[in-house]
Amino acid sequence: MEEPAVIKALAALAHPIRLQIFRALVVVGQDGLTPSRMAEGLSMAAATLSFHLKELLNAQLVTQERLGRNLVYRAAYDQMNGVLGYLTAHCCQGQECLAPAAQAACIQGD
């Protein structure tokens, strides 16, 4: 993954609402969510959600698919894995960045 794409992805995730949206999409997995379900679940206005989804789409962190009359959004795992791979390779000199206690906390969501 190239540095500009990593910067764009990290910038998109640096906003608390976009991080919340991305986390919600990761939790539901490949089933994805429609904007109305996301707005309801996140207690967010549709216009606000739309604005932030566009930013996540622009950073290629989410995908969008039309199923009938609905749009379904999903987390783009390949892109996120690319960002993590870039950080590991370029920022941690190819070694795991987190100590074992920090890794356990990340896995548990603490």
Protein backbone atom coordinates (compact mmCIF):
# COMPACT_ATOMS: atom_id res chain seq x y z
CA MET A 1 0.00 0.00 0.00
CA GLU A 2 1.26 3.45 -0.87
CA GLU A 3 1.78 6.15 1.74
CA PRO A 4 -0.88 8.58 0.36
CA ALA A 5 -3.57 5.89 0.69
CA VAL A 6 -2.48 5.15 4.26
CA ILE A 7 -2.60 8.84 5.15
CA LYS A 8 -6.08 9.18 3.64
CA ALA A 9 -7.34 6.14 5.57
CA LEU A 10 -5.85 7.28 8.86
CA ALA A 11 -7.23 10.78 8.37
CA ALA A 12 -10.69 9.36 7.75
CA LEU A 13 -10.53 7.23 10.90
CA ALA A 14 -9.23 10.16 12.96
CA HIS A 15 -12.77 11.53 13.25
CA PRO A 16 -14.79 10.03 16.13
CA ILE A 17 -18.01 9.62 14.12
CA ARG A 18 -16.24 7.93 11.20
CA LEU A 19 -14.42 5.61 13.59
CA GLN A 20 -17.76 4.76 15.22
CA ILE A 21 -19.31 4.01 11.80
CA PHE A 22 -16.34 1.89 10.74
CA ARG A 23 -16.41 -0.08 14.01
CA ALA A 24 -20.14 -0.74 13.58
CA LEU A 25 -19.51 -2.10 10.08
CA VAL A 26 -16.68 -4.31 11.31
CA VAL A 27 -18.91 -5.74 14.05
CA VAL A 28 -21.68 -6.77 11.62
CA GLY A 29 -19.18 -8.30 9.19
CA GLN A 30 -20.03 -9.20 5.62
CA ASP A 31 -23.76 -8.71 6.11
CA GLY A 32 -23.15 -4.97 6.16
CA LEU A 33 -25.69 -2.31 7.08
CA THR A 34 -28.07 -0.04 5.26
CA PRO A 35 -27.83 3.68 6.02
CA SER A 36 -31.18 3.63 7.81
CA ARG A 37 -30.07 0.80 10.14
CA MET A 38 -26.78 2.60 10.80
CA ALA A 39 -28.49 5.92 11.50
CA GLU A 40 -30.89 4.23 13.89
CA GLY A 41 -28.25 2.12 15.63
CA LEU A 42 -25.82 5.02 16.01
CA SER A 43 -28.54 7.59 16.84
CA MET A 44 -27.31 9.78 14.03
CA ALA A 45 -29.05 12.08 11.57
CA ALA A 46 -29.17 10.70 8.04
CA ALA A 47 -27.39 13.75 6.61
CA THR A 48 -24.55 13.43 9.12
CA LEU A 49 -24.20 9.72 8.39
CA SER A 50 -24.18 10.35 4.65
CA PHE A 51 -21.40 12.94 4.94
CA HIS A 52 -19.19 10.60 6.96
CA LEU A 53 -19.90 7.56 4.78
CA LYS A 54 -18.70 9.55 1.77
CA GLU A 55 -15.41 10.25 3.56
CA LEU A 56 -14.99 6.57 4.42
CA LEU A 57 -15.80 5.61 0.82
CA ASN A 58 -13.28 8.14 -0.44
CA ALA A 59 -10.64 6.56 1.79
CA GLN A 60 -11.75 3.12 0.48
CA LEU A 61 -12.41 1.91 4.04
CA VAL A 62 -15.99 0.92 3.22
CA THR A 63 -17.70 -0.52 0.19
CA GLN A 64 -21.16 0.25 -1.11
CA GLU A 65 -23.44 -2.18 -2.94
CA ARG A 66 -26.94 -1.67 -4.24
CA LEU A 67 -29.28 -4.53 -3.35
CA GLY A 68 -32.69 -3.82 -4.80
CA ARG A 69 -33.78 -0.45 -3.48
CA ASN A 70 -31.21 -0.42 -0.67
CA LEU A 71 -27.58 0.49 -0.40
CA VAL A 72 -25.52 -1.81 1.81
CA TYR A 73 -22.25 -0.65 3.31
CA ARG A 74 -19.51 -3.00 4.46
CA ALA A 75 -16.10 -2.52 6.04
CA ALA A 76 -13.30 -2.91 3.48
CA TYR A 77 -11.11 -5.38 5.34
CA ASP A 78 -8.49 -5.55 2.59
CA GLN A 79 -7.92 -1.81 2.81
CA MET A 80 -7.73 -1.83 6.60
CA ASN A 81 -5.36 -4.79 6.52
CA GLY A 82 -3.24 -2.85 4.05
CA VAL A 83 -3.06 0.10 6.44
CA LEU A 84 -2.11 -2.17 9.33
CA GLY A 85 0.45 -3.94 7.18
CA TYR A 86 1.96 -0.62 6.13
CA LEU A 87 2.22 0.54 9.74
CA THR A 88 3.79 -2.73 10.82
CA ALA A 89 6.32 -2.72 7.98
CA HIS A 90 7.23 0.97 8.06
CA CYS A 91 6.67 2.10 11.61
CA CYS A 92 7.55 -1.01 13.62
CA GLN A 93 10.39 -2.23 11.41
CA GLY A 94 8.40 -5.34 10.55
CA GLN A 95 7.94 -6.41 14.16
CA GLU A 96 4.77 -6.48 16.21
CA CYS A 97 4.26 -3.00 17.62
CA LEU A 98 2.24 -3.88 20.69
CA ALA A 99 3.36 -5.54 23.87
CA PRO A 100 1.37 -8.69 24.74
CA ALA A 101 -0.80 -6.85 27.33
CA ALA A 102 -1.69 -4.15 24.79
CA GLN A 103 -2.53 -6.78 22.18
CA ALA A 104 -4.92 -8.51 24.57
CA ALA A 105 -6.61 -5.19 25.32
CA CYS A 106 -7.03 -4.46 21.58
CA ILE A 107 -8.54 -7.91 20.97
CA GLN A 108 -10.97 -7.48 23.88
CA GLY A 109 -11.88 -3.95 22.77
CA ASP A 110 -10.67 -2.23 25.94
